[in-house]
Amino acid sequence: MPATINLSLIVPVYNEEDSLPILFNRLNKFHLDHSNKIQLEIIFVNDGSIDKSLNLLCQHIKNNAEYKAKLINFSRNFGHQAALLAGYKEARGEVIGCMDADLQDDPEHFIGMLLLWKAGHEVVYGVRSERRNEGLLKKITAAIYYRTLNIISDIQIPLDAGDFRIIDRKVLNILNQLNEKNKFIRGLIPWIGFKQIAYEYTRQGRAKGKTKYTLSKMINLSLDGIISFSVKPLKYVLLLGMLSTLISSTLAVIYLYIKLFTDIKLIPGFSALFIANLFLFSVVFFILGIISIYLSRIYQNTQNRPDFIIEND
């Protein structure tokens, strides 16, 4: 990289007091090793941590004036996607990267990503060729989710890619203009377009502590991805309703035919009737559930509440 690059690095933080000292050392080393090539801006976003993370961040910024470091402190926990959005709005670099504070993604990978950016790619997204220290269930569910999302989505989201990436300033400017709620950044950036390329890497285990991405948060993120980029679930609901209607009508015709035109004695049974009713009610409630999710997202957009609230700038 012949010329100095202005790189803004966004680091969301939520209850990472154990990992932060290691993260600070790695970021300092990254800055020292590449200060002649990269002018670094680091934006820490404290996502409502209730441990010592905020104090550690304030102390680190105070003690490291050699590179630009900023702190965005949320009034409460608004979630990982909101933290990224806050960092994106604050970033001033010509290239913007993001990484988690748990150090599963090594900052040194940004050097390889920046080479691809210099070659003309506006988006370079990290693809996990290997996931170390992740359970089998996590790997299986992640693989199923990304592939299912691409089947039902109107755009193609890169497989096994998370939020570890760099984007060009022109991509960021468009991303910051989007006003929808429940933003699914992993889908919005492919939707924006421009030249995008994968950067394969091995994802490490957490430096310290346990994951803060609970099952409920993963489910909400999954719903954001599906609802934001596809109306196919609504179409599937219509097909399911048509199919159940066809099956019910066919069974009714068969029943009437046997009753009126044959000598076959039908065995009356409460169980069969109960199972049939239960099936139909299940279909109805399933349909209403999917429609309700879409309606709730419309309602949230009409409220026009901010994605996050900053306690201090």
C-alpha atoms as a PDB file:
ATOM      1  CA  MET A   1       0.000   0.000   0.000  1.00  0.00           C
ATOM      2  CA  PRO A   2       2.005   2.964  -1.236  1.00  0.00           C
ATOM      3  CA  ALA A   3      -0.102   5.813   0.219  1.00  0.00           C
ATOM      4  CA  THR A   4      -1.395   6.374   3.722  1.00  0.00           C
ATOM      5  CA  ILE A   5      -4.950   5.107   4.190  1.00  0.00           C
ATOM      6  CA  ASN A   6      -7.421   6.727   6.564  1.00  0.00           C
ATOM      7  CA  LEU A   7      -9.024   3.734   8.271  1.00  0.00           C
ATOM      8  CA  SER A   8     -11.905   4.062  10.724  1.00  0.00           C
ATOM      9  CA  LEU A   9     -12.265   0.977  12.889  1.00  0.00           C
ATOM     10  CA  ILE A  10     -15.571   0.376  14.717  1.00  0.00           C
ATOM     11  CA  VAL A  11     -15.493  -1.834  17.812  1.00  0.00           C
ATOM     12  CA  PRO A  12     -18.817  -2.583  19.572  1.00  0.00           C
ATOM     13  CA  VAL A  13     -18.354  -3.463  23.253  1.00  0.00           C
ATOM     14  CA  TYR A  14     -20.818  -5.147  25.588  1.00  0.00           C
ATOM     15  CA  ASN A  15     -19.601  -6.497  28.952  1.00  0.00           C
ATOM     16  CA  GLU A  16     -16.095  -7.312  27.695  1.00  0.00           C
ATOM     17  CA  GLU A  17     -13.999  -6.294  30.719  1.00  0.00           C
ATOM     18  CA  ASP A  18     -11.993  -9.543  30.503  1.00  0.00           C
ATOM     19  CA  SER A  19     -11.216  -9.200  26.788  1.00  0.00           C
ATOM     20  CA  LEU A  20     -10.550  -5.454  26.643  1.00  0.00           C
ATOM     21  CA  PRO A  21      -6.941  -5.456  28.007  1.00  0.00           C
ATOM     22  CA  ILE A  22      -5.996  -8.028  25.363  1.00  0.00           C
ATOM     23  CA  LEU A  23      -7.853  -6.063  22.700  1.00  0.00           C
ATOM     24  CA  PHE A  24      -6.042  -2.833  23.635  1.00  0.00           C
ATOM     25  CA  ASN A  25      -2.641  -4.548  23.330  1.00  0.00           C
ATOM     26  CA  ARG A  26      -3.525  -5.966  19.927  1.00  0.00           C
ATOM     27  CA  LEU A  27      -4.812  -2.628  18.652  1.00  0.00           C
ATOM     28  CA  ASN A  28      -1.712  -0.817  19.912  1.00  0.00           C
ATOM     29  CA  LYS A  29       0.520  -3.371  18.191  1.00  0.00           C
ATOM     30  CA  PHE A  30      -1.544  -3.083  14.995  1.00  0.00           C
ATOM     31  CA  HIS A  31      -1.138   0.696  15.062  1.00  0.00           C
ATOM     32  CA  LEU A  32       2.611   0.579  15.726  1.00  0.00           C
ATOM     33  CA  ASP A  33       3.242  -1.989  12.995  1.00  0.00           C
ATOM     34  CA  HIS A  34       1.292  -0.096  10.333  1.00  0.00           C
ATOM     35  CA  SER A  35       1.336   3.562  11.394  1.00  0.00           C
ATOM     36  CA  ASN A  36       3.372   4.498   8.306  1.00  0.00           C
ATOM     37  CA  LYS A  37       0.654   3.036   6.043  1.00  0.00           C
ATOM     38  CA  ILE A  38      -2.541   3.551   8.013  1.00  0.00           C
ATOM     39  CA  GLN A  39      -3.874   6.619   9.758  1.00  0.00           C
ATOM     40  CA  LEU A  40      -6.075   4.941  12.321  1.00  0.00           C
ATOM     41  CA  GLU A  41      -9.329   6.129  13.883  1.00  0.00           C
ATOM     42  CA  ILE A  42     -10.871   3.766  16.438  1.00  0.00           C
ATOM     43  CA  ILE A  43     -14.509   4.199  17.460  1.00  0.00           C
ATOM     44  CA  PHE A  44     -15.470   2.210  20.538  1.00  0.00           C
ATOM     45  CA  VAL A  45     -19.234   1.834  21.038  1.00  0.00           C
ATOM     46  CA  ASN A  46     -20.182   0.880  24.573  1.00  0.00           C
ATOM     47  CA  ASP A  47     -23.516  -0.879  24.146  1.00  0.00           C
ATOM     48  CA  GLY A  48     -24.829  -0.366  27.664  1.00  0.00           C
ATOM     49  CA  SER A  49     -22.239  -2.497  29.458  1.00  0.00           C
ATOM     50  CA  ILE A  50     -22.909  -3.103  33.153  1.00  0.00           C
ATOM     51  CA  ASP A  51     -19.409  -4.308  34.046  1.00  0.00           C
ATOM     52  CA  LYS A  52     -16.146  -2.319  34.069  1.00  0.00           C
ATOM     53  CA  SER A  53     -15.974  -1.994  30.274  1.00  0.00           C
ATOM     54  CA  LEU A  54     -16.853   1.715  30.207  1.00  0.00           C
ATOM     55  CA  ASN A  55     -14.150   2.613  32.742  1.00  0.00           C
ATOM     56  CA  LEU A  56     -11.559   0.573  30.870  1.00  0.00           C
ATOM     57  CA  LEU A  57     -12.478   2.257  27.587  1.00  0.00           C
ATOM     58  CA  CYS A  58     -12.241   5.746  29.081  1.00  0.00           C
ATOM     59  CA  GLN A  59      -8.844   4.967  30.607  1.00  0.00           C
ATOM     60  CA  HIS A  60      -7.517   3.493  27.371  1.00  0.00           C
ATOM     61  CA  ILE A  61      -8.558   6.505  25.308  1.00  0.00           C
ATOM     62  CA  LYS A  62      -6.988   8.842  27.854  1.00  0.00           C
ATOM     63  CA  ASN A  63      -3.678   6.925  27.800  1.00  0.00           C
ATOM     64  CA  ASN A  64      -3.419   6.465  24.019  1.00  0.00           C
ATOM     65  CA  ALA A  65      -3.434   9.816  22.298  1.00  0.00           C
ATOM     66  CA  GLU A  66      -1.134   8.598  19.485  1.00  0.00           C
ATOM     67  CA  TYR A  67      -4.103   7.525  17.398  1.00  0.00           C
ATOM     68  CA  LYS A  68      -7.601   8.952  17.165  1.00  0.00           C
ATOM     69  CA  ALA A  69      -9.883   7.129  19.568  1.00  0.00           C
ATOM     70  CA  LYS A  70     -13.509   8.003  20.210  1.00  0.00           C
ATOM     71  CA  LEU A  71     -16.119   6.633  22.575  1.00  0.00           C
ATOM     72  CA  ILE A  72     -19.850   6.392  21.951  1.00  0.00           C
ATOM     73  CA  ASN A  73     -21.692   5.443  25.120  1.00  0.00           C
ATOM     74  CA  PHE A  74     -25.274   4.167  24.795  1.00  0.00           C
ATOM     75  CA  SER A  75     -27.857   4.936  27.467  1.00  0.00           C
ATOM     76  CA  ARG A  76     -28.700   1.216  27.561  1.00  0.00           C
ATOM     77  CA  ASN A  77     -28.133  -1.972  25.594  1.00  0.00           C
ATOM     78  CA  PHE A  78     -29.517  -1.436  22.073  1.00  0.00           C
ATOM     79  CA  GLY A  79     -27.831  -4.404  20.397  1.00  0.00           C
ATOM     80  CA  HIS A  80     -24.890  -5.182  18.143  1.00  0.00           C
ATOM     81  CA  GLN A  81     -26.449  -3.858  14.924  1.00  0.00           C
ATOM     82  CA  ALA A  82     -27.322  -0.538  16.561  1.00  0.00           C
ATOM     83  CA  ALA A  83     -23.747  -0.246  17.858  1.00  0.00           C
ATOM     84  CA  LEU A  84     -22.391  -0.755  14.356  1.00  0.00           C
ATOM     85  CA  LEU A  85     -24.790   1.840  12.949  1.00  0.00           C
ATOM     86  CA  ALA A  86     -23.678   4.383  15.555  1.00  0.00           C
ATOM     87  CA  GLY A  87     -20.047   3.753  14.645  1.00  0.00           C
ATOM     88  CA  TYR A  88     -20.787   4.033  10.943  1.00  0.00           C
ATOM     89  CA  LYS A  89     -22.445   7.421  11.464  1.00  0.00           C
ATOM     90  CA  GLU A  90     -19.422   8.695  13.417  1.00  0.00           C
ATOM     91  CA  ALA A  91     -16.671   7.314  11.155  1.00  0.00           C
ATOM     92  CA  ARG A  92     -14.639   9.838   9.169  1.00  0.00           C
ATOM     93  CA  GLY A  93     -12.188   7.582   7.310  1.00  0.00           C
ATOM     94  CA  GLU A  94     -12.067   6.809   3.613  1.00  0.00           C
ATOM     95  CA  VAL A  95     -12.298   3.108   4.525  1.00  0.00           C
ATOM     96  CA  ILE A  96     -14.383   1.778   7.399  1.00  0.00           C
ATOM     97  CA  GLY A  97     -13.855  -1.539   9.134  1.00  0.00           C
ATOM     98  CA  CYS A  98     -15.588  -3.236  12.033  1.00  0.00           C
ATOM     99  CA  MET A  99     -14.581  -5.986  14.427  1.00  0.00           C
ATOM    100  CA  ASP A 100     -15.867  -7.420  17.700  1.00  0.00           C
ATOM    101  CA  ALA A 101     -14.139  -6.799  21.006  1.00  0.00           C
ATOM    102  CA  ASP A 102     -13.822 -10.535  21.733  1.00  0.00           C
ATOM    103  CA  LEU A 103     -10.921 -10.817  19.222  1.00  0.00           C
ATOM    104  CA  GLN A 104     -12.410 -13.715  17.294  1.00  0.00           C
ATOM    105  CA  ASP A 105     -11.477 -11.589  14.282  1.00  0.00           C
ATOM    106  CA  ASP A 106      -7.800 -10.555  14.245  1.00  0.00           C
ATOM    107  CA  PRO A 107      -7.168  -6.873  13.350  1.00  0.00           C
ATOM    108  CA  GLU A 108      -4.176  -7.980  11.257  1.00  0.00           C
ATOM    109  CA  HIS A 109      -6.638  -9.319   8.677  1.00  0.00           C
ATOM    110  CA  PHE A 110      -7.460  -5.723   7.784  1.00  0.00           C
ATOM    111  CA  ILE A 111      -4.111  -5.530   5.957  1.00  0.00           C
ATOM    112  CA  GLY A 112      -5.201  -8.253   3.537  1.00  0.00           C
ATOM    113  CA  MET A 113      -8.616  -6.663   3.190  1.00  0.00           C
ATOM    114  CA  LEU A 114      -7.118  -3.261   2.421  1.00  0.00           C
ATOM    115  CA  LEU A 115      -5.047  -4.775  -0.385  1.00  0.00           C
ATOM    116  CA  LEU A 116      -8.272  -5.985  -1.995  1.00  0.00           C
ATOM    117  CA  TRP A 117      -9.803  -2.541  -1.460  1.00  0.00           C
ATOM    118  CA  LYS A 118      -6.808  -0.929  -3.168  1.00  0.00           C
ATOM    119  CA  ALA A 119      -7.396  -3.310  -6.078  1.00  0.00           C
ATOM    120  CA  GLY A 120     -10.792  -1.688  -6.671  1.00  0.00           C
ATOM    121  CA  HIS A 121     -13.311  -3.464  -4.431  1.00  0.00           C
ATOM    122  CA  GLU A 122     -15.628  -1.203  -2.445  1.00  0.00           C
ATOM    123  CA  VAL A 123     -16.650  -3.987  -0.028  1.00  0.00           C
ATOM    124  CA  VAL A 124     -14.383  -6.688   1.359  1.00  0.00           C
ATOM    125  CA  TYR A 125     -16.232  -9.056   3.687  1.00  0.00           C
ATOM    126  CA  GLY A 126     -14.675 -11.721   5.849  1.00  0.00           C
ATOM    127  CA  VAL A 127     -15.739 -15.311   5.176  1.00  0.00           C
ATOM    128  CA  ARG A 128     -15.023 -17.842   7.900  1.00  0.00           C
ATOM    129  CA  SER A 129     -13.299 -20.773   6.249  1.00  0.00           C
ATOM    130  CA  GLU A 130     -12.890 -22.320   9.701  1.00  0.00           C
ATOM    131  CA  ARG A 131     -14.577 -21.625  13.045  1.00  0.00           C
ATOM    132  CA  ARG A 132     -12.395 -22.548  15.992  1.00  0.00           C
ATOM    133  CA  ASN A 133     -13.753 -23.274  19.467  1.00  0.00           C
ATOM    134  CA  GLU A 134     -17.360 -23.039  18.316  1.00  0.00           C
ATOM    135  CA  GLY A 135     -19.785 -25.807  19.221  1.00  0.00           C
ATOM    136  CA  LEU A 136     -21.196 -28.189  16.651  1.00  0.00           C
ATOM    137  CA  LEU A 137     -24.710 -26.846  17.192  1.00  0.00           C
ATOM    138  CA  LYS A 138     -23.563 -23.259  16.487  1.00  0.00           C
ATOM    139  CA  LYS A 139     -21.819 -24.327  13.278  1.00  0.00           C
ATOM    140  CA  ILE A 140     -24.813 -26.347  12.060  1.00  0.00           C
ATOM    141  CA  THR A 141     -27.385 -23.646  12.821  1.00  0.00           C
ATOM    142  CA  ALA A 142     -25.219 -20.954  11.182  1.00  0.00           C
ATOM    143  CA  ALA A 143     -24.809 -23.059   8.035  1.00  0.00           C
ATOM    144  CA  ILE A 144     -28.544 -23.773   7.848  1.00  0.00           C
ATOM    145  CA  TYR A 145     -29.496 -20.154   8.496  1.00  0.00           C
ATOM    146  CA  TYR A 146     -27.340 -18.571   5.785  1.00  0.00           C
ATOM    147  CA  ARG A 147     -28.406 -21.113   3.180  1.00  0.00           C
ATOM    148  CA  THR A 148     -32.085 -20.869   4.085  1.00  0.00           C
ATOM    149  CA  LEU A 149     -31.909 -17.071   4.012  1.00  0.00           C
ATOM    150  CA  ASN A 150     -30.478 -17.105   0.496  1.00  0.00           C
ATOM    151  CA  ILE A 151     -33.232 -19.464  -0.674  1.00  0.00           C
ATOM    152  CA  ILE A 152     -36.053 -17.213   0.487  1.00  0.00           C
ATOM    153  CA  SER A 153     -34.311 -13.842   0.167  1.00  0.00           C
ATOM    154  CA  ASP A 154     -34.539 -11.506  -2.806  1.00  0.00           C
ATOM    155  CA  ILE A 155     -30.776 -10.897  -2.689  1.00  0.00           C
ATOM    156  CA  GLN A 156     -27.786 -13.196  -2.210  1.00  0.00           C
ATOM    157  CA  ILE A 157     -26.081 -12.740   1.155  1.00  0.00           C
ATOM    158  CA  PRO A 158     -22.517 -14.148   1.323  1.00  0.00           C
ATOM    159  CA  LEU A 159     -22.371 -17.519   3.045  1.00  0.00           C
ATOM    160  CA  ASP A 160     -20.544 -17.740   6.387  1.00  0.00           C
ATOM    161  CA  ALA A 161     -19.935 -13.974   6.438  1.00  0.00           C
ATOM    162  CA  GLY A 162     -20.567 -11.855   9.520  1.00  0.00           C
ATOM    163  CA  ASP A 163     -20.002  -8.185  10.249  1.00  0.00           C
ATOM    164  CA  PHE A 164     -16.199  -8.401   9.995  1.00  0.00           C
ATOM    165  CA  ARG A 165     -15.526  -6.353   6.850  1.00  0.00           C
ATOM    166  CA  ILE A 166     -14.293  -3.102   5.377  1.00  0.00           C
ATOM    167  CA  ILE A 167     -16.386  -0.801   3.199  1.00  0.00           C
ATOM    168  CA  ASP A 168     -15.559   2.205   1.063  1.00  0.00           C
ATOM    169  CA  ARG A 169     -16.741   5.688   2.014  1.00  0.00           C
ATOM    170  CA  LYS A 170     -19.198   5.743  -0.919  1.00  0.00           C
ATOM    171  CA  VAL A 171     -20.894   2.590   0.418  1.00  0.00           C
ATOM    172  CA  LEU A 172     -21.051   4.065   3.916  1.00  0.00           C
ATOM    173  CA  ASN A 173     -22.663   7.272   2.664  1.00  0.00           C
ATOM    174  CA  ILE A 174     -25.509   5.264   1.123  1.00  0.00           C
ATOM    175  CA  LEU A 175     -25.857   3.028   4.191  1.00  0.00           C
ATOM    176  CA  ASN A 176     -26.213   6.078   6.435  1.00  0.00           C
ATOM    177  CA  GLN A 177     -29.031   7.395   4.243  1.00  0.00           C
ATOM    178  CA  LEU A 178     -31.239   4.330   4.765  1.00  0.00           C
ATOM    179  CA  ASN A 179     -33.975   5.121   7.285  1.00  0.00           C
ATOM    180  CA  GLU A 180     -35.627   1.736   7.842  1.00  0.00           C
ATOM    181  CA  LYS A 181     -35.808   0.220  11.331  1.00  0.00           C
ATOM    182  CA  ASN A 182     -34.360  -3.136  12.408  1.00  0.00           C
ATOM    183  CA  LYS A 183     -31.526  -2.741   9.934  1.00  0.00           C
ATOM    184  CA  PHE A 184     -29.869  -6.017   8.944  1.00  0.00           C
ATOM    185  CA  ILE A 185     -26.434  -4.746   7.937  1.00  0.00           C
ATOM    186  CA  ARG A 186     -25.246  -8.100   6.594  1.00  0.00           C
ATOM    187  CA  GLY A 187     -28.022  -7.870   4.010  1.00  0.00           C
ATOM    188  CA  LEU A 188     -28.064  -4.120   3.395  1.00  0.00           C
ATOM    189  CA  ILE A 189     -24.445  -3.946   2.249  1.00  0.00           C
ATOM    190  CA  PRO A 190     -24.892  -6.644  -0.454  1.00  0.00           C
ATOM    191  CA  TRP A 191     -28.137  -4.888  -1.433  1.00  0.00           C
ATOM    192  CA  ILE A 192     -26.295  -1.573  -1.923  1.00  0.00           C
ATOM    193  CA  GLY A 193     -24.059  -3.227  -4.506  1.00  0.00           C
ATOM    194  CA  PHE A 194     -20.713  -2.016  -5.938  1.00  0.00           C
ATOM    195  CA  LYS A 195     -17.740  -4.356  -6.293  1.00  0.00           C
ATOM    196  CA  GLN A 196     -17.693  -6.852  -3.436  1.00  0.00           C
ATOM    197  CA  ILE A 197     -15.247  -9.650  -2.736  1.00  0.00           C
ATOM    198  CA  ALA A 198     -14.720 -12.273  -0.052  1.00  0.00           C
ATOM    199  CA  TYR A 199     -11.678 -12.476   2.181  1.00  0.00           C
ATOM    200  CA  GLU A 200     -11.293 -15.956   3.666  1.00  0.00           C
ATOM    201  CA  TYR A 201      -9.834 -16.331   7.128  1.00  0.00           C
ATOM    202  CA  THR A 202      -9.845 -18.631  10.135  1.00  0.00           C
ATOM    203  CA  ARG A 203     -12.010 -17.378  12.959  1.00  0.00           C
ATOM    204  CA  GLN A 204     -10.432 -17.809  16.371  1.00  0.00           C
ATOM    205  CA  GLY A 205     -12.114 -18.548  19.668  1.00  0.00           C
ATOM    206  CA  ARG A 206     -12.960 -15.779  22.107  1.00  0.00           C
ATOM    207  CA  ALA A 207     -10.023 -14.183  23.889  1.00  0.00           C
ATOM    208  CA  LYS A 208     -11.817 -14.260  27.254  1.00  0.00           C
ATOM    209  CA  GLY A 209     -15.266 -14.722  28.706  1.00  0.00           C
ATOM    210  CA  LYS A 210     -18.461 -16.085  27.190  1.00  0.00           C
ATOM    211  CA  THR A 211     -20.423 -15.011  24.140  1.00  0.00           C
ATOM    212  CA  LYS A 212     -22.975 -12.247  24.688  1.00  0.00           C
ATOM    213  CA  TYR A 213     -24.975 -13.347  21.652  1.00  0.00           C
ATOM    214  CA  THR A 214     -27.789 -15.245  23.349  1.00  0.00           C
ATOM    215  CA  LEU A 215     -30.253 -17.509  21.570  1.00  0.00           C
ATOM    216  CA  SER A 216     -32.963 -14.820  21.654  1.00  0.00           C
ATOM    217  CA  LYS A 217     -30.588 -12.275  20.057  1.00  0.00           C
ATOM    218  CA  MET A 218     -29.651 -14.736  17.313  1.00  0.00           C
ATOM    219  CA  ILE A 219     -33.349 -15.438  16.638  1.00  0.00           C
ATOM    220  CA  ASN A 220     -34.113 -11.703  16.426  1.00  0.00           C
ATOM    221  CA  LEU A 221     -31.190 -11.176  14.048  1.00  0.00           C
ATOM    222  CA  SER A 222     -32.417 -14.080  11.923  1.00  0.00           C
ATOM    223  CA  LEU A 223     -35.915 -12.589  11.762  1.00  0.00           C
ATOM    224  CA  ASP A 224     -34.462  -9.197  10.784  1.00  0.00           C
ATOM    225  CA  GLY A 225     -32.647 -10.847   7.891  1.00  0.00           C
ATOM    226  CA  ILE A 226     -35.666 -12.790   6.661  1.00  0.00           C
ATOM    227  CA  ILE A 227     -38.293 -10.060   7.091  1.00  0.00           C
ATOM    228  CA  SER A 228     -36.115  -7.236   5.726  1.00  0.00           C
ATOM    229  CA  PHE A 229     -35.171  -8.912   2.468  1.00  0.00           C
ATOM    230  CA  SER A 230     -38.025 -11.117   1.423  1.00  0.00           C
ATOM    231  CA  VAL A 231     -41.806 -11.251   1.111  1.00  0.00           C
ATOM    232  CA  LYS A 232     -41.595 -14.908   0.150  1.00  0.00           C
ATOM    233  CA  PRO A 233     -42.818 -16.072   3.595  1.00  0.00           C
ATOM    234  CA  LEU A 234     -46.099 -14.284   2.837  1.00  0.00           C
ATOM    235  CA  LYS A 235     -46.266 -16.045  -0.527  1.00  0.00           C
ATOM    236  CA  TYR A 236     -45.539 -19.373   1.154  1.00  0.00           C
ATOM    237  CA  VAL A 237     -48.355 -18.656   3.608  1.00  0.00           C
ATOM    238  CA  LEU A 238     -50.737 -18.123   0.696  1.00  0.00           C
ATOM    239  CA  LEU A 239     -49.609 -21.394  -0.905  1.00  0.00           C
ATOM    240  CA  LEU A 240     -49.980 -23.205   2.411  1.00  0.00           C
ATOM    241  CA  GLY A 241     -53.483 -21.842   2.819  1.00  0.00           C
ATOM    242  CA  MET A 242     -54.394 -22.897  -0.732  1.00  0.00           C
ATOM    243  CA  LEU A 243     -52.916 -26.346  -0.163  1.00  0.00           C
ATOM    244  CA  SER A 244     -54.798 -26.887   3.106  1.00  0.00           C
ATOM    245  CA  THR A 245     -58.012 -25.709   1.435  1.00  0.00           C
ATOM    246  CA  LEU A 246     -57.457 -28.109  -1.470  1.00  0.00           C
ATOM    247  CA  ILE A 247     -56.794 -31.023   0.868  1.00  0.00           C
ATOM    248  CA  SER A 248     -59.842 -30.256   3.006  1.00  0.00           C
ATOM    249  CA  SER A 249     -62.100 -29.861  -0.063  1.00  0.00           C
ATOM    250  CA  THR A 250     -60.833 -33.088  -1.592  1.00  0.00           C
ATOM    251  CA  LEU A 251     -61.434 -35.020   1.624  1.00  0.00           C
ATOM    252  CA  ALA A 252     -64.933 -33.536   1.867  1.00  0.00           C
ATOM    253  CA  VAL A 253     -65.771 -34.618  -1.706  1.00  0.00           C
ATOM    254  CA  ILE A 254     -64.412 -38.119  -1.058  1.00  0.00           C
ATOM    255  CA  TYR A 255     -66.424 -38.359   2.149  1.00  0.00           C
ATOM    256  CA  LEU A 256     -69.662 -37.295   0.418  1.00  0.00           C
ATOM    257  CA  TYR A 257     -69.071 -39.687  -2.478  1.00  0.00           C
ATOM    258  CA  ILE A 258     -68.531 -42.643  -0.151  1.00  0.00           C
ATOM    259  CA  LYS A 259     -71.520 -41.655   1.959  1.00  0.00           C
ATOM    260  CA  LEU A 260     -73.954 -41.184  -0.960  1.00  0.00           C
ATOM    261  CA  PHE A 261     -72.835 -43.592  -3.675  1.00  0.00           C
ATOM    262  CA  THR A 262     -71.155 -46.565  -1.989  1.00  0.00           C
ATOM    263  CA  ASP A 263     -72.020 -49.162   0.614  1.00  0.00           C
ATOM    264  CA  ILE A 264     -68.794 -48.581   2.518  1.00  0.00           C
ATOM    265  CA  LYS A 265     -69.468 -48.082   6.190  1.00  0.00           C
ATOM    266  CA  LEU A 266     -67.392 -45.265   7.604  1.00  0.00           C
ATOM    267  CA  ILE A 267     -66.259 -45.654  11.171  1.00  0.00           C
ATOM    268  CA  PRO A 268     -67.129 -42.515  13.076  1.00  0.00           C
ATOM    269  CA  GLY A 269     -64.353 -41.237  15.255  1.00  0.00           C
ATOM    270  CA  PHE A 270     -63.813 -38.227  17.392  1.00  0.00           C
ATOM    271  CA  SER A 271     -59.994 -38.548  17.116  1.00  0.00           C
ATOM    272  CA  ALA A 272     -59.928 -38.065  13.355  1.00  0.00           C
ATOM    273  CA  LEU A 273     -62.129 -35.003  13.615  1.00  0.00           C
ATOM    274  CA  PHE A 274     -60.027 -33.595  16.434  1.00  0.00           C
ATOM    275  CA  ILE A 275     -56.759 -34.106  14.523  1.00  0.00           C
ATOM    276  CA  ALA A 276     -58.208 -32.491  11.400  1.00  0.00           C
ATOM    277  CA  ASN A 277     -59.409 -29.457  13.339  1.00  0.00           C
ATOM    278  CA  LEU A 278     -56.092 -29.184  15.169  1.00  0.00           C
ATOM    279  CA  PHE A 279     -54.225 -29.235  11.852  1.00  0.00           C
ATOM    280  CA  LEU A 280     -56.409 -26.512  10.360  1.00  0.00           C
ATOM    281  CA  PHE A 281     -56.145 -24.313  13.460  1.00  0.00           C
ATOM    282  CA  SER A 282     -52.362 -24.768  13.438  1.00  0.00           C
ATOM    283  CA  VAL A 283     -52.218 -23.616   9.821  1.00  0.00           C
ATOM    284  CA  VAL A 284     -54.344 -20.563  10.636  1.00  0.00           C
ATOM    285  CA  PHE A 285     -52.231 -19.564  13.638  1.00  0.00           C
ATOM    286  CA  PHE A 286     -49.021 -20.113  11.653  1.00  0.00           C
ATOM    287  CA  ILE A 287     -50.327 -17.817   8.925  1.00  0.00           C
ATOM    288  CA  LEU A 288     -51.397 -15.183  11.440  1.00  0.00           C
ATOM    289  CA  GLY A 289     -47.993 -15.389  13.148  1.00  0.00           C
ATOM    290  CA  ILE A 290     -46.064 -14.624   9.969  1.00  0.00           C
ATOM    291  CA  ILE A 291     -48.411 -11.798   9.000  1.00  0.00           C
ATOM    292  CA  SER A 292     -48.116 -10.369  12.518  1.00  0.00           C
ATOM    293  CA  ILE A 293     -44.331 -10.216  12.243  1.00  0.00           C
ATOM    294  CA  TYR A 294     -44.551  -8.172   9.053  1.00  0.00           C
ATOM    295  CA  LEU A 295     -47.200  -5.905  10.586  1.00  0.00           C
ATOM    296  CA  SER A 296     -45.073  -5.352  13.685  1.00  0.00           C
ATOM    297  CA  ARG A 297     -42.157  -4.204  11.524  1.00  0.00           C
ATOM    298  CA  ILE A 298     -44.451  -1.769   9.701  1.00  0.00           C
ATOM    299  CA  TYR A 299     -45.651  -0.480  13.063  1.00  0.00           C
ATOM    300  CA  GLN A 300     -42.091   0.004  14.310  1.00  0.00           C
ATOM    301  CA  ASN A 301     -41.225   2.017  11.213  1.00  0.00           C
ATOM    302  CA  THR A 302     -44.241   4.294  11.710  1.00  0.00           C
ATOM    303  CA  GLN A 303     -43.108   5.030  15.286  1.00  0.00           C
ATOM    304  CA  ASN A 304     -39.908   6.543  13.880  1.00  0.00           C
ATOM    305  CA  ARG A 305     -37.940   5.982  17.091  1.00  0.00           C
ATOM    306  CA  PRO A 306     -34.135   6.251  16.886  1.00  0.00           C
ATOM    307  CA  ASP A 307     -32.068   3.084  16.566  1.00  0.00           C
ATOM    308  CA  PHE A 308     -30.103   4.079  19.654  1.00  0.00           C
ATOM    309  CA  ILE A 309     -29.707   6.809  22.271  1.00  0.00           C
ATOM    310  CA  ILE A 310     -26.263   8.177  23.091  1.00  0.00           C
ATOM    311  CA  GLU A 311     -25.626   9.114  26.699  1.00  0.00           C
ATOM    312  CA  ASN A 312     -22.539  11.143  25.850  1.00  0.00           C
ATOM    313  CA  ASP A 313     -20.759  12.067  22.602  1.00  0.00           C
END
